[in-house]
Amino acid sequence: GTVTAVVASDDKLFTRPQTVAAAGRKVTFDPTDVAHLTVPLRPRHGVCRVTFTVTPTAVPAIVRGSPDGRRLGARFIEFAYRAP
C-alpha cells in the first residue's frame, strides 16, 4: 500500500521552501503552500514504517526572538493510508 502525508510550513518561521523526503521520494513547497507526499509501504517483519526528514528546520528563539527553543520543521496535517 501507500501512505500520503499532507504537509505545510509556517510563513512566520520560514522564508524559503522546505523539503520533506521519505522512501526515496520528496516534495518541496513554499512557506504558504500545502503539499502532498505519497510513499510506498514495504513491510519488514510484518511492520510498515516510514521515516520522514524535513529540511530546513528552525528554532523560533533564534529566528523570531521567541522563548520557544524547540527545533521545528514542517507541519504534518494529515496521513492517509491506501491499501494495496
Protein backbone atom coordinates (compact mmCIF):
# COMPACT_ATOMS: atom_id res chain seq x y z
CA GLY A 1 0.00 0.00 0.00
CA THR A 2 0.92 3.67 0.32
CA VAL A 3 0.68 6.47 2.82
CA THR A 4 0.15 10.08 1.80
CA ALA A 5 1.27 12.84 4.14
CA VAL A 6 -0.25 16.29 3.83
CA VAL A 7 2.39 18.80 4.95
CA ALA A 8 2.61 22.55 5.40
CA SER A 9 5.11 25.13 6.52
CA ASP A 10 4.90 28.23 8.72
CA ASP A 11 5.34 31.53 6.88
CA LYS A 12 6.16 33.29 10.15
CA LEU A 13 9.10 30.98 10.76
CA PHE A 14 10.34 30.08 7.27
CA THR A 15 11.08 32.43 4.38
CA ARG A 16 12.29 29.83 1.88
CA PRO A 17 10.97 26.49 0.64
CA GLN A 18 11.10 23.36 2.76
CA THR A 19 11.57 19.79 1.59
CA VAL A 20 10.03 16.67 3.11
CA ALA A 21 11.54 13.36 1.99
CA ALA A 22 10.83 9.68 2.63
CA ALA A 23 11.47 6.37 0.88
CA GLY A 24 13.39 7.99 -1.98
CA ARG A 25 10.64 10.50 -2.74
CA LYS A 26 10.42 14.16 -1.86
CA VAL A 27 8.29 17.26 -2.16
CA THR A 28 9.44 20.87 -1.91
CA PHE A 29 6.96 23.62 -1.05
CA ASP A 30 6.90 27.33 -0.21
CA PRO A 31 6.09 28.58 3.30
CA THR A 32 2.49 29.47 2.33
CA ASP A 33 1.77 26.20 0.48
CA VAL A 34 0.37 22.81 1.43
CA ALA A 35 1.90 19.75 -0.24
CA HIS A 36 1.25 16.01 -0.53
CA LEU A 37 3.89 13.29 -0.41
CA THR A 38 2.88 9.71 -1.24
CA VAL A 39 5.31 6.95 -0.34
CA PRO A 40 5.12 3.18 -0.79
CA LEU A 41 4.83 0.95 2.26
CA ARG A 42 7.01 -2.13 2.37
CA PRO A 43 6.59 -4.47 5.33
CA ARG A 44 9.63 -5.60 7.27
CA HIS A 45 8.93 -8.34 9.80
CA GLY A 46 5.22 -7.59 9.42
CA VAL A 47 5.54 -3.85 10.16
CA CYS A 48 5.40 -0.92 7.73
CA ARG A 49 7.43 2.08 8.83
CA VAL A 50 8.23 5.36 7.08
CA THR A 51 10.79 7.90 8.26
CA PHE A 52 10.24 11.46 7.07
CA THR A 53 13.05 14.02 7.00
CA VAL A 54 12.47 17.78 6.86
CA THR A 55 14.89 20.46 5.70
CA PRO A 56 15.41 23.14 6.69
CA THR A 57 14.31 23.29 10.30
CA ALA A 58 14.36 26.36 12.54
CA VAL A 59 14.35 27.36 16.21
CA PRO A 60 11.82 30.14 16.91
CA ALA A 61 14.03 31.56 19.69
CA ILE A 62 16.76 32.18 17.13
CA VAL A 63 14.61 33.19 14.16
CA ARG A 64 11.98 35.33 15.89
CA GLY A 65 13.36 36.06 19.35
CA SER A 66 10.62 33.86 20.83
CA PRO A 67 11.17 31.98 24.11
CA ASP A 68 10.42 28.74 22.17
CA GLY A 69 13.67 26.78 21.93
CA ARG A 70 12.24 23.78 20.06
CA ARG A 71 13.64 22.83 16.64
CA LEU A 72 10.63 22.89 14.30
CA GLY A 73 10.13 21.67 10.76
CA ALA A 74 7.11 21.07 8.57
CA ARG A 75 3.64 20.54 9.99
CA PHE A 76 2.15 17.14 9.22
CA ILE A 77 -1.55 17.88 8.83
CA GLU A 78 -2.91 14.51 7.78
CA PHE A 79 -1.91 10.95 6.90
CA ALA A 80 -3.98 8.83 4.51
CA TYR A 81 -3.40 5.11 4.06
CA ARG A 82 -4.30 3.31 0.86
CA ALA A 83 -4.34 -0.49 0.90
CA PRO A 84 -2.54 -2.43 -1.86
